[in-house]
């Protein structure tokens, strides 16, 4: 198993959960308010990646999704359906 990051010592699960929730809320707020400039800064910060454009052409999307195993697409679709807001509603990739 590869460990990407060890948990913070002396930090309870509840404290960590609160910290994560606050971080996610801040990211969402920034993207809503600042748009692409926030996406670019966060992408650079978290992924060390800042392409000229974040827009993909339809063909690029098809090529990318064609490489994703069907089981992964089903798992992602299921997860999205759990957060759709209405029972039985399913979003597709």
Protein backbone atom coordinates (compact mmCIF):
# COMPACT_ATOMS: atom_id res chain seq x y z
CA UNK A 1 0.00 0.00 0.00
CA UNK A 2 1.21 3.48 -0.85
CA UNK A 3 0.59 6.08 1.86
CA UNK A 4 0.19 9.54 0.37
CA UNK A 5 -0.14 11.43 3.63
CA UNK A 6 -0.10 10.35 7.26
CA UNK A 7 -2.83 11.65 9.60
CA UNK A 8 -1.97 14.64 11.71
CA UNK A 9 -0.77 13.57 15.16
CA UNK A 10 -3.00 14.60 18.04
CA UNK A 11 -5.88 15.52 15.73
CA UNK A 12 -9.20 13.76 16.33
CA UNK A 13 -11.32 12.43 13.47
CA UNK A 14 -13.97 15.02 14.23
CA UNK A 15 -11.41 17.85 14.16
CA UNK A 16 -9.98 16.51 10.91
CA UNK A 17 -13.44 16.12 9.40
CA UNK A 18 -14.29 19.72 10.31
CA UNK A 19 -11.01 20.94 8.82
CA UNK A 20 -11.67 19.04 5.58
CA UNK A 21 -15.24 20.37 5.35
CA UNK A 22 -14.00 23.94 5.82
CA UNK A 23 -11.29 23.47 3.19
CA UNK A 24 -13.78 22.06 0.67
CA UNK A 25 -16.26 24.87 1.38
CA UNK A 26 -13.50 27.43 0.80
CA UNK A 27 -12.50 25.81 -2.50
CA UNK A 28 -16.11 25.73 -3.72
CA UNK A 29 -16.67 29.35 -2.68
CA UNK A 30 -13.50 30.48 -4.46
CA UNK A 31 -14.42 28.66 -7.67
CA UNK A 32 -17.94 30.15 -7.62
CA UNK A 33 -16.65 33.66 -6.96
CA UNK A 34 -13.40 33.68 -8.93
CA UNK A 35 -14.12 31.14 -11.68
CA UNK A 36 -11.26 30.02 -13.89
CA UNK A 37 -8.61 32.00 -12.04
CA UNK A 38 -9.37 30.03 -8.85
CA UNK A 39 -9.38 26.73 -10.78
CA UNK A 40 -6.01 27.60 -12.28
CA UNK A 41 -4.46 28.57 -8.93
CA UNK A 42 -5.85 25.50 -7.14
CA UNK A 43 -4.80 23.18 -9.94
CA UNK A 44 -1.27 24.55 -9.74
CA UNK A 45 -1.27 24.30 -5.94
CA UNK A 46 -2.67 20.78 -5.62
CA UNK A 47 -1.54 19.14 -8.86
CA UNK A 48 1.37 21.27 -10.08
CA UNK A 49 -0.59 21.56 -13.33
CA UNK A 50 -1.64 24.72 -15.13
CA UNK A 51 -2.48 24.16 -18.81
CA UNK A 52 -3.23 27.04 -21.18
CA UNK A 53 -6.89 26.03 -21.20
CA UNK A 54 -8.99 23.77 -19.00
CA UNK A 55 -11.60 23.37 -21.75
CA UNK A 56 -11.69 20.04 -23.53
CA UNK A 57 -13.13 19.46 -26.98
CA UNK A 58 -15.81 16.78 -27.30
CA UNK A 59 -13.32 14.39 -28.90
CA UNK A 60 -10.85 14.82 -26.01
CA UNK A 61 -13.63 14.00 -23.54
CA UNK A 62 -14.61 10.88 -25.53
CA UNK A 63 -11.00 9.72 -25.78
CA UNK A 64 -10.50 10.20 -22.05
CA UNK A 65 -13.69 8.45 -20.99
CA UNK A 66 -13.02 5.59 -23.40
CA UNK A 67 -9.89 4.78 -21.36
CA UNK A 68 -11.81 4.52 -18.07
CA UNK A 69 -12.80 0.93 -17.20
CA UNK A 70 -16.57 0.30 -17.31
CA UNK A 71 -16.59 -0.77 -13.64
CA UNK A 72 -15.12 2.62 -12.66
CA UNK A 73 -17.71 4.49 -14.74
CA UNK A 74 -20.48 2.48 -13.04
CA UNK A 75 -19.04 3.27 -9.60
CA UNK A 76 -18.75 6.98 -10.42
CA UNK A 77 -22.29 7.06 -11.85
CA UNK A 78 -23.62 5.33 -8.76
CA UNK A 79 -21.83 7.83 -6.51
CA UNK A 80 -23.19 10.76 -8.49
CA UNK A 81 -26.69 9.35 -8.28
CA UNK A 82 -26.43 9.31 -4.48
CA UNK A 83 -25.96 13.10 -4.51
CA UNK A 84 -28.38 14.02 -7.28
CA UNK A 85 -31.04 15.28 -4.90
CA UNK A 86 -33.80 13.05 -6.23
CA UNK A 87 -34.21 9.29 -5.73
CA UNK A 88 -33.76 7.28 -8.90
CA UNK A 89 -32.15 10.15 -10.79
CA UNK A 90 -28.96 8.98 -12.46
CA UNK A 91 -26.32 11.18 -14.01
CA UNK A 92 -24.16 9.66 -16.71
CA UNK A 93 -20.59 10.40 -17.67
